[in-house]
Protein backbone atom coordinates (compact mmCIF):
# COMPACT_ATOMS: atom_id res chain seq x y z
CA MET A 1 11.81 13.74 11.88
CA ALA A 2 12.90 10.82 14.05
CA SER A 3 10.13 8.52 15.20
CA ARG A 4 9.14 7.93 18.99
CA THR A 5 11.32 5.65 20.73
CA HIS A 6 10.98 3.33 23.65
CA ALA A 7 12.47 4.72 26.95
CA GLY A 8 14.49 1.74 27.25
CA ALA A 9 15.51 1.25 23.70
CA VAL A 10 19.41 0.27 22.72
CA PRO A 11 20.65 2.70 19.97
CA SER A 12 20.68 1.31 16.73
CA THR A 13 23.85 1.16 14.58
CA LEU A 14 21.85 0.74 11.39
CA PRO A 15 22.16 3.70 9.36
CA ARG A 16 19.12 5.71 7.86
CA HIS A 17 19.54 6.26 4.02
CA GLN A 18 18.55 9.52 2.66
CA ILE A 19 19.33 10.96 -0.88
CA LEU A 20 16.67 13.64 -1.12
CA ASP A 21 16.60 15.84 2.04
CA GLU A 22 13.71 17.60 3.60
CA GLN A 23 14.08 20.59 1.56
CA GLY A 24 14.35 18.69 -1.70
CA ALA A 25 18.19 19.06 -2.27
CA ILE A 26 20.37 15.83 -3.02
CA ALA A 27 22.44 14.48 -0.22
CA ASP A 28 25.10 11.94 -1.10
CA ASP A 29 24.74 8.48 0.16
CA ALA A 30 27.66 6.24 -0.26
CA LEU A 31 25.70 3.17 -0.82
CA LEU A 32 22.78 4.18 -2.41
CA SER A 33 23.24 7.28 -4.62
CA PRO A 34 24.97 5.24 -7.26
CA TYR A 35 21.66 3.47 -8.00
CA VAL A 36 19.77 6.74 -8.74
CA ALA A 37 22.43 8.34 -10.86
CA ASP A 38 20.71 7.68 -14.24
CA VAL A 39 17.26 8.84 -13.30
CA THR A 40 16.45 11.69 -15.61
CA VAL A 41 14.05 14.69 -15.01
CA GLU A 42 11.36 13.08 -17.42
CA GLN A 43 11.35 9.84 -15.07
CA LEU A 44 11.01 12.18 -11.84
CA GLN A 45 8.17 13.79 -13.66
CA HIS A 46 6.64 10.64 -13.94
CA LEU A 47 7.17 9.69 -10.21
CA TYR A 48 5.68 13.17 -9.44
CA ARG A 49 2.61 12.48 -11.49
CA SER A 50 2.14 9.07 -10.01
CA MET A 51 2.41 10.22 -6.32
CA THR A 52 -0.21 13.08 -7.04
CA ALA A 53 -2.58 10.98 -8.83
CA ALA A 54 -2.79 8.43 -6.10
CA ARG A 55 -3.10 11.27 -3.67
CA ARG A 56 -6.19 12.54 -5.66
CA VAL A 57 -7.69 9.21 -5.86
CA ASP A 58 -7.20 8.93 -2.07
CA GLU A 59 -9.09 12.27 -1.56
CA GLU A 60 -11.88 11.17 -3.70
CA GLY A 61 -12.12 7.76 -1.97
CA THR A 62 -12.48 9.50 1.29
CA SER A 63 -15.08 12.17 -0.01
CA LEU A 64 -16.93 9.19 -1.59
CA GLN A 65 -17.11 7.11 1.37
CA ARG A 66 -17.97 9.97 3.58
CA GLN A 67 -21.04 10.46 1.30
CA GLY A 68 -22.18 7.01 1.58
CA GLN A 69 -20.91 5.52 -1.74
CA LEU A 70 -18.32 3.40 -0.39
CA VAL A 71 -18.37 0.90 2.42
CA LEU A 72 -14.88 1.79 3.52
CA TRP A 73 -12.09 3.59 2.41
CA VAL A 74 -8.08 3.22 3.61
CA PRO A 75 -6.39 6.31 3.06
CA LEU A 76 -2.66 6.48 2.07
CA ARG A 77 -1.84 10.05 2.19
CA GLY A 78 1.89 10.62 3.17
CA GLN A 79 3.08 7.21 2.07
CA GLU A 80 3.02 8.03 -1.84
CA ALA A 81 6.88 8.14 -2.08
CA ALA A 82 7.33 4.74 -0.14
CA GLN A 83 4.77 3.00 -2.50
CA VAL A 84 5.53 4.54 -5.90
CA GLY A 85 9.48 4.55 -5.45
CA SER A 86 9.31 0.80 -4.38
CA VAL A 87 6.99 -0.48 -7.09
CA TRP A 88 8.76 1.75 -10.06
CA PRO A 89 11.81 -0.20 -10.24
CA THR A 90 10.01 -3.54 -10.46
CA LEU A 91 9.62 -5.39 -13.70
CA PRO A 92 6.38 -6.54 -15.21
CA THR A 93 7.19 -10.05 -14.28
CA ASP A 94 7.91 -9.48 -10.80
CA ARG A 95 5.03 -10.40 -8.46
CA ILE A 96 3.38 -7.99 -5.96
CA PHE A 97 1.81 -8.96 -2.57
CA PRO A 98 0.03 -5.81 -1.23
CA SER A 99 -1.85 -5.41 1.94
CA TYR A 100 -5.08 -3.11 1.82
CA ARG A 101 -3.45 0.49 1.66
CA GLU A 102 -1.15 0.13 -1.31
CA HIS A 103 -3.28 2.18 -3.77
CA ALA A 104 -0.25 3.89 -5.13
CA VAL A 105 1.14 0.68 -5.96
CA ALA A 106 -1.85 -0.58 -7.84
CA LEU A 107 -2.20 2.43 -9.83
CA GLU A 108 1.57 2.37 -11.06
CA ARG A 109 0.89 -1.08 -11.92
CA GLY A 110 -1.66 -0.27 -14.47
CA VAL A 111 -4.94 -0.99 -12.18
CA ALA A 112 -7.66 1.41 -13.17
CA PRO A 113 -8.96 3.61 -10.26
CA SER A 114 -12.50 2.41 -10.74
CA ASP A 115 -11.48 -1.21 -10.53
CA LEU A 116 -9.82 -0.27 -7.09
CA MET A 117 -12.98 1.07 -6.02
CA ARG A 118 -15.17 -1.67 -6.78
CA LEU A 119 -13.83 -3.48 -3.60
CA PHE A 120 -14.48 -0.54 -1.35
CA ARG A 121 -18.04 -0.17 -3.18
CA GLY A 122 -18.71 -3.72 -1.80
CA ILE A 123 -19.58 -5.21 -5.15
CA THR A 124 -16.39 -7.63 -5.52
CA ALA A 125 -13.96 -9.19 -2.99
CA GLY A 126 -11.31 -8.32 -5.66
CA GLY A 127 -11.48 -5.69 -8.32
CA TRP A 128 -8.89 -6.50 -10.87
CA ASP A 129 -7.09 -9.43 -12.53
CA PRO A 130 -4.10 -10.45 -10.42
CA GLU A 131 -2.35 -12.07 -13.74
CA LYS A 132 -2.86 -9.19 -15.76
CA HIS A 133 -0.99 -6.74 -13.46
CA ASN A 134 1.10 -9.27 -11.54
CA LEU A 135 -0.50 -7.76 -8.49
CA ASN A 136 -2.23 -9.92 -6.05
CA LEU A 137 -5.53 -8.74 -4.60
CA TYR A 138 -5.73 -6.93 -1.20
CA THR A 139 -5.46 -8.83 1.79
CA MET A 140 -7.76 -7.74 4.67
CA VAL A 141 -6.44 -10.39 7.17
CA LEU A 142 -3.32 -8.54 8.70
CA ALA A 143 -0.01 -10.02 7.43
CA SER A 144 -1.52 -13.24 5.81
CA GLN A 145 -0.14 -12.09 2.42
CA VAL A 146 3.47 -12.54 3.58
CA PRO A 147 3.54 -16.20 3.95
CA HIS A 148 1.93 -16.44 0.54
CA ALA A 149 4.49 -14.12 -1.01
CA VAL A 150 7.39 -16.15 0.21
CA GLY A 151 5.97 -19.47 -0.96
CA TYR A 152 5.40 -17.82 -4.27
CA ALA A 153 8.91 -16.69 -4.46
CA MET A 154 10.25 -20.09 -3.07
CA GLY A 155 8.35 -21.68 -6.15
CA THR A 156 9.62 -19.35 -8.74
CA ALA A 157 13.15 -20.18 -7.52
CA LEU A 158 12.60 -23.61 -7.49
CA ASP A 159 10.87 -23.65 -11.31
CA ARG A 160 13.99 -21.74 -12.37
CA LYS A 161 16.35 -24.13 -11.01
CA ALA A 162 14.54 -27.11 -12.53
CA ALA A 163 14.67 -25.42 -15.98
CA GLN A 164 18.43 -24.88 -15.55
CA ASP A 165 18.75 -28.53 -14.34
CA ALA A 166 16.80 -29.64 -17.56
CA GLY A 167 19.10 -27.55 -19.66
CA THR A 168 16.56 -25.09 -20.74
CA PRO A 169 17.42 -22.15 -18.58
CA PRO A 170 14.87 -19.26 -18.65
CA GLU A 171 15.84 -16.17 -20.98
CA THR A 172 14.17 -13.63 -18.64
CA ASP A 173 15.73 -12.15 -15.56
CA PRO A 174 15.08 -13.95 -12.34
CA GLU A 175 11.80 -13.03 -11.11
CA ALA A 176 11.35 -11.02 -7.66
CA VAL A 177 8.57 -10.88 -5.34
CA ILE A 178 7.72 -7.93 -3.09
CA ALA A 179 5.55 -8.40 0.04
CA TYR A 180 4.19 -5.07 1.38
CA PHE A 181 3.08 -4.75 5.08
CA GLY A 182 3.47 -2.18 7.84
CA ASP A 183 4.65 -1.63 11.16
CA GLY A 184 1.55 -3.09 12.95
CA ALA A 185 1.64 -6.34 10.69
CA SER A 186 5.52 -6.76 11.63
CA THR A 187 4.53 -7.79 15.06
CA GLU A 188 2.48 -10.59 13.94
CA GLY A 189 3.49 -14.33 13.87
CA GLU A 190 3.22 -14.79 10.34
CA ILE A 191 5.94 -12.26 9.57
CA HIS A 192 8.45 -14.16 11.68
CA GLU A 193 7.51 -17.59 10.06
CA SER A 194 7.71 -16.05 6.79
CA MET A 195 11.17 -14.36 7.34
CA VAL A 196 12.49 -18.07 8.71
CA PHE A 197 11.41 -19.88 5.58
CA ALA A 198 12.72 -16.99 3.22
CA ALA A 199 16.16 -17.04 4.84
CA SER A 200 16.23 -21.01 4.91
CA TYR A 201 15.49 -21.42 1.15
CA ASP A 202 17.04 -18.26 -0.01
CA ALA A 203 13.45 -16.97 -1.48
CA PRO A 204 13.92 -14.46 -4.05
CA VAL A 205 11.52 -11.99 -1.81
CA LEU A 206 11.80 -8.22 -0.83
CA PHE A 207 10.15 -7.46 2.57
CA PHE A 208 8.80 -3.86 2.26
CA ILE A 209 7.56 -2.45 5.45
CA GLN A 210 5.98 1.12 5.33
CA ASN A 211 6.41 2.11 8.90
CA ASN A 212 3.90 4.91 9.01
CA GLN A 213 4.45 5.17 12.91
CA TRP A 214 1.05 3.97 13.97
CA ALA A 215 -0.54 0.59 14.08
CA ILE A 216 -4.14 1.76 14.15
CA SER A 217 -3.84 3.62 17.53
CA VAL A 218 -0.62 1.92 18.78
CA PRO A 219 2.57 4.26 18.33
CA PHE A 220 5.51 2.40 17.17
CA ALA A 221 7.39 3.22 20.33
CA THR A 222 5.06 0.53 21.86
CA GLN A 223 5.62 -2.03 19.06
CA SER A 224 9.26 -2.10 18.71
CA ARG A 225 12.43 -0.82 20.86
CA VAL A 226 14.65 -1.02 17.60
CA PRO A 227 14.16 0.01 13.98
CA LEU A 228 12.34 -2.80 12.20
CA ALA A 229 15.24 -3.32 9.70
CA THR A 230 17.55 -4.53 12.43
CA ARG A 231 15.46 -7.72 12.75
CA ALA A 232 16.78 -8.99 9.34
CA ALA A 233 20.09 -9.60 11.16
CA GLY A 234 18.36 -12.04 13.26
CA TYR A 235 17.46 -14.29 10.28
CA GLY A 236 20.68 -13.81 8.53
CA PHE A 237 19.69 -11.34 5.56
CA GLU A 238 20.24 -7.60 4.83
CA GLY A 239 17.80 -4.99 6.17
CA LEU A 240 17.87 -1.47 5.06
CA ARG A 241 16.31 1.81 6.82
CA VAL A 242 15.34 4.58 4.38
CA ASP A 243 13.59 7.71 4.73
CA GLY A 244 10.35 6.75 3.37
CA ASN A 245 9.58 10.20 2.24
CA ASP A 246 12.29 10.59 0.02
CA MET A 247 11.58 9.33 -3.60
CA LEU A 248 15.07 8.97 -4.64
CA GLY A 249 15.96 7.18 -1.65
CA VAL A 250 13.34 4.62 -1.88
CA VAL A 251 14.03 4.00 -5.42
CA ALA A 252 17.78 3.51 -4.84
CA ALA A 253 17.03 1.25 -1.93
CA THR A 254 14.54 -0.91 -3.95
CA ARG A 255 17.12 -1.28 -6.83
CA TYR A 256 19.75 -2.02 -4.63
CA ALA A 257 17.80 -4.93 -2.99
CA LEU A 258 16.31 -6.15 -6.15
CA GLU A 259 19.93 -6.35 -7.66
CA LYS A 260 20.89 -8.70 -4.69
CA ILE A 261 17.74 -10.90 -4.74
CA ARG A 262 18.04 -11.25 -8.55
CA ALA A 263 21.78 -12.19 -8.19
CA GLY A 264 20.47 -15.32 -5.89
CA GLU A 265 21.71 -13.50 -2.70
CA GLY A 266 18.33 -14.22 -0.75
CA PRO A 267 15.64 -12.06 0.72
CA VAL A 268 16.20 -8.33 1.56
CA LEU A 269 14.27 -6.19 4.20
CA ILE A 270 13.60 -2.47 3.48
CA GLU A 271 11.96 -0.39 6.10
CA ALA A 272 10.83 2.70 4.79
CA GLU A 273 10.10 5.25 7.62
CA THR A 274 7.11 7.38 6.77
CA TYR A 275 4.03 8.58 8.26
CA ARG A 276 0.21 7.90 7.86
CA MET A 277 -1.14 11.64 7.63
CA GLY A 278 -4.74 10.43 7.77
CA ALA A 279 -6.87 7.93 9.64
CA HIS A 280 -6.31 4.27 9.69
CA THR A 281 -9.36 3.90 7.77
CA THR A 282 -12.49 6.07 7.46
CA ALA A 283 -14.00 4.15 10.44
CA ASP A 284 -11.08 5.68 12.68
CA ASP A 285 -10.59 9.02 14.34
CA PRO A 286 -7.00 9.61 14.96
CA THR A 287 -7.58 12.71 16.94
CA LYS A 288 -8.44 10.34 19.76
CA TYR A 289 -4.91 9.07 20.08
CA ARG A 290 -2.30 11.32 18.57
CA GLU A 291 -1.39 15.05 18.83
CA ARG A 292 -1.69 17.74 16.25
CA ASP A 293 1.69 18.89 16.92
CA GLU A 294 3.06 15.42 15.67
CA GLU A 295 0.83 15.67 12.65
CA GLU A 296 2.19 19.21 11.97
CA GLN A 297 5.72 18.13 12.26
CA TRP A 298 5.41 15.40 9.86
CA GLY A 299 3.20 17.48 7.55
CA HIS A 300 6.31 19.54 6.71
CA LEU A 301 8.11 16.28 5.62
CA ASP A 302 5.43 15.87 2.96
CA PRO A 303 6.92 13.62 0.19
CA VAL A 304 4.87 15.25 -2.45
CA ASP A 305 6.12 18.80 -1.52
CA ARG A 306 9.78 17.37 -1.22
CA LEU A 307 9.65 15.99 -4.89
CA ARG A 308 8.11 19.09 -6.27
CA ALA A 309 10.78 21.35 -4.61
CA HIS A 310 13.14 19.27 -6.17
CA LEU A 311 12.03 19.46 -9.47
CA ARG A 312 11.49 23.36 -9.18
CA ASP A 313 15.02 23.88 -7.47
CA ALA A 314 17.26 21.28 -9.24
CA HIS A 315 15.56 20.88 -12.48
CA GLY A 316 13.88 24.18 -13.22
CA VAL A 317 10.59 22.73 -13.84
CA GLU A 318 7.85 25.50 -14.13
CA ASP A 319 4.37 25.97 -12.87
CA GLU A 320 2.87 25.00 -15.94
CA PHE A 321 3.92 21.36 -15.46
CA PHE A 322 2.18 21.24 -12.05
CA GLU A 323 -0.87 22.94 -12.94
CA ALA A 324 -1.17 20.40 -15.82
CA VAL A 325 -0.86 17.64 -13.40
CA ALA A 326 -3.33 18.99 -11.18
CA ARG A 327 -5.90 19.33 -13.84
CA GLU A 328 -5.05 15.63 -15.04
CA ASN A 329 -5.55 14.40 -11.76
CA ASP A 330 -8.81 16.18 -11.11
CA GLU A 331 -10.13 14.49 -14.47
CA ILE A 332 -9.07 11.10 -13.07
CA ALA A 333 -10.78 11.39 -9.95
CA GLN A 334 -14.11 12.68 -11.69
CA ARG A 335 -14.01 9.90 -14.05
CA MET A 336 -13.53 7.68 -11.22
CA ARG A 337 -16.42 9.17 -9.30
CA ALA A 338 -18.75 8.90 -12.26
CA ASP A 339 -17.91 5.17 -12.72
CA VAL A 340 -18.39 4.28 -8.95
CA LEU A 341 -21.98 6.23 -9.02
CA ALA A 342 -22.71 4.02 -12.04
CA MET A 343 -21.79 0.88 -10.15
CA THR A 344 -25.03 -1.03 -8.91
CA PRO A 345 -24.69 -1.89 -5.25
CA PRO A 346 -25.03 -5.55 -4.47
CA ARG A 347 -28.20 -6.85 -2.74
CA PHE A 348 -27.34 -8.29 0.59
CA GLU A 349 -29.60 -11.42 0.16
CA ASP A 350 -27.75 -12.20 -2.94
CA SER A 351 -24.73 -12.94 -0.76
CA PHE A 352 -26.25 -16.08 0.63
CA ALA A 353 -26.12 -17.72 -2.71
CA LYS A 354 -22.46 -17.41 -2.63
CA ALA A 355 -21.51 -19.02 0.76
CA TYR A 356 -21.46 -22.56 -0.84
CA ALA A 357 -20.74 -24.14 -4.23
CA GLU A 358 -24.06 -25.95 -4.05
CA GLN A 359 -27.43 -24.84 -2.57
CA HIS A 360 -27.35 -25.50 1.54
CA SER A 361 -30.58 -25.91 3.53
CA LEU A 362 -29.45 -24.13 6.27
CA VAL A 363 -28.26 -21.08 4.34
CA ASP A 364 -31.54 -21.28 2.70
CA ALA A 365 -33.09 -21.08 5.88
CA GLU A 366 -30.88 -18.14 7.15
CA ARG A 367 -31.89 -16.06 3.70
CA ALA A 368 -35.57 -16.79 4.49
CA GLU A 369 -35.18 -15.31 8.01
CA TYR A 370 -33.35 -12.45 6.80
CA LEU A 371 -36.08 -11.62 3.98
CA ASP A 372 -38.79 -12.18 6.63
CA TYR A 373 -37.09 -9.64 8.86
CA GLN A 374 -36.63 -7.14 6.06
CA ALA A 375 -40.42 -7.39 5.22
CA GLY A 376 -41.16 -6.16 8.74
CA PHE A 377 -39.95 -2.80 8.01
CA ALA A 378 -42.61 -0.34 6.22
CA PRO A 379 -41.71 1.05 2.69
CA GLN A 380 -39.89 4.35 2.97
CA ASP A 381 -42.80 6.44 1.30
CA GLU A 382 -45.30 5.07 4.22
CA MET A 383 -42.90 6.17 6.97
CA ASP A 384 -42.70 9.64 5.18
CA ASP A 385 -46.38 9.68 5.34
CA HIS A 386 -46.50 8.82 9.03
CA ASP A 387 -43.87 11.41 9.86
CA THR A 388 -45.85 14.16 8.07
CA ARG A 389 -48.94 13.33 9.84
CA GLY A 390 -47.26 13.13 13.18
CA ALA A 391 -45.44 16.58 12.66
CA GLY A 392 -48.98 18.04 11.99
CA ALA A 393 -50.73 16.47 14.76
């Protein structure tokens, strides 16, 4: 399904790549098909497991938040192929800079679902060790992770060159960096500045845009008159458009981009055209700004359904596999729920001690004011007694 377009848009000549069509059949792509010719049915099954595990974790995260067990949740439903398909081809040494919706990326990188929930439970500002997974922590400030990604990429390139100049070239493959962001973030100034620096210094970075058609409540047609991948040409590097609900297309585009990046050909931009099937966050109500017909049309392009159809029709994978995966995912969700419920929520008054490294008189005064305010509320049991007496009066 084509995204909405601006009435004054200039038609784009940039092709939209697709390998797995809407029915799950293979469609030849002259540029990208060779990059997935070696993908086995076992690997496709792994990708399906990863997609569906992420979706089940997402469902449980939404449920936990609605039940008051999480402060917030950021749904990813609909973007599983874009995320799993782009992180799967990376090397363990590649560095990932996520935004705040890349749950499938984190899970594929080995982050435990319970660690992912720690941030949304409100007990930590992180949740996992970035060095263990080569995955930076989530960034809640829109687009701010992208300059960091470019700077990191520039640093790795300089380190590699210094080692080569010293006669001790690294024995490992060149490191690549992936910066994830969305169509909404693409309009931020940090993105422009990052692409200027990346192009100027041949930074080994992949700008991966998940164009999910909505920047909270702003449709893509308002944000841009052209596909976002066309912007890359303005900075002098390559941009690719790919069907973001096509697992094989995303894998192929990412492999192609990483090959160029490791060869020292500078940055690459990929725009994965997908759809945010749920709310922006659990604090959002998408029924206020988008139509049900649009959601239903994109629902027919579900990336999980597409890969499932391909596994069934092209590889003869039977129901037993899909049923087993569903059971595994339910077990993952149940363990995650139990872990979340066992997490002790932080006390708000403890946050005052974390404002500065050393004790501060102003913070002490604010903490005392807060505790005094809280002391003004009657205990819950007293309030219950009062309500009971009032009801019988």
